[in-house]
Amino acid sequence: MLIVPIVYEDGMMDQVDPQSLQVLIEEEMIVKFQRGEGWVYVGVDPVRTKQRPDYPGPERRHMH
């Protein structure tokens, strides 16, 4: 199982699974997490998030 190092807002370090990481990013509970390339700063570096349900544009992932 993949474990991702993270740093919470209060400076505490931890390790979580990818699913928990997604929740922590969405809830803005962490400052950074580590990828293979190095540390990713939430709110500064690009991170994947769930598509907002109110997205007004076309669904570009749909294949005809």
N, C-alpha and C. Protein backbone atom coordinates (compact mmCIF):
# COMPACT_ATOMS: atom_id res chain seq x y z
N MET A 1 0.84 -1.18 0.00
CA MET A 1 0.00 0.00 0.00
C MET A 1 0.89 1.24 0.00
N LEU A 2 0.51 2.22 -0.79
CA LEU A 2 1.25 3.47 -0.90
C LEU A 2 0.96 4.34 0.32
N ILE A 3 2.01 4.88 0.90
CA ILE A 3 1.88 5.78 2.05
C ILE A 3 2.52 7.11 1.66
N VAL A 4 1.82 8.22 1.94
CA VAL A 4 2.27 9.54 1.54
C VAL A 4 2.61 10.37 2.78
N PRO A 5 3.83 10.89 2.89
CA PRO A 5 4.18 11.79 3.99
C PRO A 5 3.45 13.13 3.83
N ILE A 6 2.92 13.66 4.94
CA ILE A 6 2.20 14.93 4.93
C ILE A 6 2.63 15.79 6.11
N VAL A 7 2.32 17.08 6.03
CA VAL A 7 2.52 18.00 7.14
C VAL A 7 1.21 18.76 7.35
N TYR A 8 0.66 18.66 8.56
CA TYR A 8 -0.57 19.36 8.92
C TYR A 8 -0.30 20.84 9.13
N GLU A 9 -1.38 21.62 9.23
CA GLU A 9 -1.31 23.07 9.47
C GLU A 9 -0.49 23.40 10.71
N ASP A 10 -0.54 22.55 11.74
CA ASP A 10 0.17 22.84 13.00
C ASP A 10 1.63 22.37 12.99
N GLY A 11 2.09 21.85 11.84
CA GLY A 11 3.48 21.41 11.73
C GLY A 11 3.71 19.94 12.01
N MET A 12 2.71 19.25 12.51
CA MET A 12 2.84 17.82 12.79
C MET A 12 2.97 17.04 11.49
N MET A 13 3.87 16.07 11.49
CA MET A 13 4.06 15.21 10.33
C MET A 13 3.30 13.91 10.53
N ASP A 14 2.90 13.30 9.42
CA ASP A 14 2.15 12.05 9.46
C ASP A 14 2.34 11.35 8.12
N GLN A 15 1.79 10.16 8.01
CA GLN A 15 1.78 9.42 6.76
C GLN A 15 0.38 8.88 6.56
N VAL A 16 -0.16 9.06 5.36
CA VAL A 16 -1.54 8.64 5.08
C VAL A 16 -1.60 7.90 3.75
N ASP A 17 -2.71 7.21 3.52
CA ASP A 17 -2.94 6.56 2.25
C ASP A 17 -3.48 7.60 1.26
N PRO A 18 -3.43 7.33 -0.05
CA PRO A 18 -3.86 8.31 -1.05
C PRO A 18 -5.30 8.78 -0.90
N GLN A 19 -6.21 7.92 -0.48
CA GLN A 19 -7.60 8.32 -0.31
C GLN A 19 -7.73 9.34 0.81
N SER A 20 -7.04 9.13 1.92
CA SER A 20 -7.05 10.08 3.02
C SER A 20 -6.39 11.39 2.61
N LEU A 21 -5.34 11.30 1.80
CA LEU A 21 -4.67 12.50 1.30
C LEU A 21 -5.65 13.38 0.53
N GLN A 22 -6.44 12.77 -0.32
CA GLN A 22 -7.42 13.52 -1.12
C GLN A 22 -8.38 14.29 -0.21
N VAL A 23 -8.88 13.64 0.82
CA VAL A 23 -9.80 14.28 1.77
C VAL A 23 -9.10 15.43 2.49
N LEU A 24 -7.89 15.22 2.94
CA LEU A 24 -7.14 16.26 3.66
C LEU A 24 -6.88 17.48 2.77
N ILE A 25 -6.60 17.25 1.49
CA ILE A 25 -6.40 18.35 0.55
C ILE A 25 -7.70 19.12 0.38
N GLU A 26 -8.79 18.41 0.13
CA GLU A 26 -10.08 19.06 -0.09
C GLU A 26 -10.56 19.83 1.13
N GLU A 27 -10.25 19.33 2.33
CA GLU A 27 -10.66 19.99 3.57
C GLU A 27 -9.65 21.05 4.03
N GLU A 28 -8.58 21.23 3.23
CA GLU A 28 -7.53 22.22 3.52
C GLU A 28 -6.94 22.03 4.92
N MET A 29 -6.65 20.78 5.26
CA MET A 29 -6.12 20.45 6.58
C MET A 29 -4.61 20.25 6.60
N ILE A 30 -3.98 20.23 5.40
CA ILE A 30 -2.53 20.03 5.36
C ILE A 30 -1.86 21.17 4.61
N VAL A 31 -0.59 21.37 4.92
CA VAL A 31 0.22 22.40 4.28
C VAL A 31 0.92 21.83 3.05
N LYS A 32 1.45 20.61 3.22
CA LYS A 32 2.19 20.00 2.11
C LYS A 32 2.17 18.49 2.22
N PHE A 33 2.48 17.85 1.10
CA PHE A 33 2.65 16.40 1.05
C PHE A 33 3.78 16.09 0.09
N GLN A 34 4.33 14.88 0.21
CA GLN A 34 5.50 14.54 -0.59
C GLN A 34 5.16 13.61 -1.74
N ARG A 35 5.65 13.99 -2.92
CA ARG A 35 5.58 13.15 -4.12
C ARG A 35 6.99 12.67 -4.41
N GLY A 36 7.13 11.84 -5.41
CA GLY A 36 8.45 11.37 -5.80
C GLY A 36 9.40 12.49 -6.17
N GLU A 37 8.85 13.59 -6.74
CA GLU A 37 9.67 14.72 -7.18
C GLU A 37 10.02 15.66 -6.04
N GLY A 38 9.37 15.51 -4.89
CA GLY A 38 9.61 16.40 -3.76
C GLY A 38 8.32 16.83 -3.10
N TRP A 39 8.40 17.86 -2.27
CA TRP A 39 7.24 18.34 -1.52
C TRP A 39 6.33 19.18 -2.40
N VAL A 40 5.03 18.98 -2.23
CA VAL A 40 4.00 19.74 -2.93
C VAL A 40 3.28 20.60 -1.90
N TYR A 41 3.25 21.91 -2.13
CA TYR A 41 2.60 22.84 -1.20
C TYR A 41 1.17 23.09 -1.65
N VAL A 42 0.21 22.73 -0.82
CA VAL A 42 -1.21 22.87 -1.14
C VAL A 42 -1.53 24.36 -1.22
N GLY A 43 -2.21 24.75 -2.31
CA GLY A 43 -2.55 26.15 -2.53
C GLY A 43 -1.49 26.90 -3.31
N VAL A 44 -0.33 26.27 -3.51
CA VAL A 44 0.76 26.89 -4.27
C VAL A 44 1.05 26.06 -5.52
N ASP A 45 1.32 24.79 -5.31
CA ASP A 45 1.62 23.88 -6.42
C ASP A 45 0.33 23.25 -6.94
N PRO A 46 0.32 22.85 -8.22
CA PRO A 46 -0.88 22.20 -8.75
C PRO A 46 -1.13 20.84 -8.10
N VAL A 47 -2.36 20.60 -7.69
CA VAL A 47 -2.76 19.30 -7.14
C VAL A 47 -4.06 18.90 -7.79
N ARG A 48 -4.28 17.62 -7.86
CA ARG A 48 -5.52 17.11 -8.42
C ARG A 48 -6.62 17.21 -7.37
N THR A 49 -7.77 17.71 -7.78
CA THR A 49 -8.93 17.74 -6.90
C THR A 49 -10.13 17.21 -7.67
N LYS A 50 -11.17 16.87 -6.95
CA LYS A 50 -12.38 16.41 -7.61
C LYS A 50 -12.99 17.56 -8.39
N GLN A 51 -13.57 17.21 -9.55
CA GLN A 51 -14.22 18.24 -10.36
C GLN A 51 -15.44 18.76 -9.62
N ARG A 52 -15.58 20.06 -9.60
CA ARG A 52 -16.73 20.66 -8.92
C ARG A 52 -18.01 20.30 -9.65
N PRO A 53 -19.07 19.94 -8.93
CA PRO A 53 -20.32 19.55 -9.59
C PRO A 53 -20.98 20.70 -10.33
N ASP A 54 -20.65 21.95 -10.00
CA ASP A 54 -21.26 23.09 -10.67
C ASP A 54 -20.41 23.63 -11.81
N TYR A 55 -19.49 22.80 -12.32
CA TYR A 55 -18.65 23.20 -13.43
C TYR A 55 -19.53 23.51 -14.64
N PRO A 56 -19.45 24.74 -15.18
CA PRO A 56 -20.36 25.14 -16.26
C PRO A 56 -19.92 24.70 -17.66
N GLY A 57 -18.71 24.23 -17.81
CA GLY A 57 -18.20 23.88 -19.14
C GLY A 57 -18.58 22.48 -19.58
N PRO A 58 -18.16 22.15 -20.79
CA PRO A 58 -18.47 20.81 -21.32
C PRO A 58 -17.62 19.74 -20.66
N GLU A 59 -18.13 18.53 -20.62
CA GLU A 59 -17.40 17.39 -20.09
C GLU A 59 -16.41 16.97 -21.17
N ARG A 60 -15.12 17.24 -20.97
CA ARG A 60 -14.12 16.96 -21.99
C ARG A 60 -13.58 15.55 -21.91
N ARG A 61 -13.86 14.83 -20.83
CA ARG A 61 -13.32 13.47 -20.69
C ARG A 61 -14.19 12.44 -21.39
N HIS A 62 -15.41 12.82 -21.76
CA HIS A 62 -16.35 11.89 -22.38
C HIS A 62 -15.89 11.56 -23.80
N MET A 63 -15.80 10.30 -24.11
CA MET A 63 -15.42 9.86 -25.46
C MET A 63 -16.67 9.47 -26.22
N HIS A 64 -16.81 9.94 -27.44
CA HIS A 64 -17.99 9.62 -28.26
C HIS A 64 -17.82 8.30 -28.95
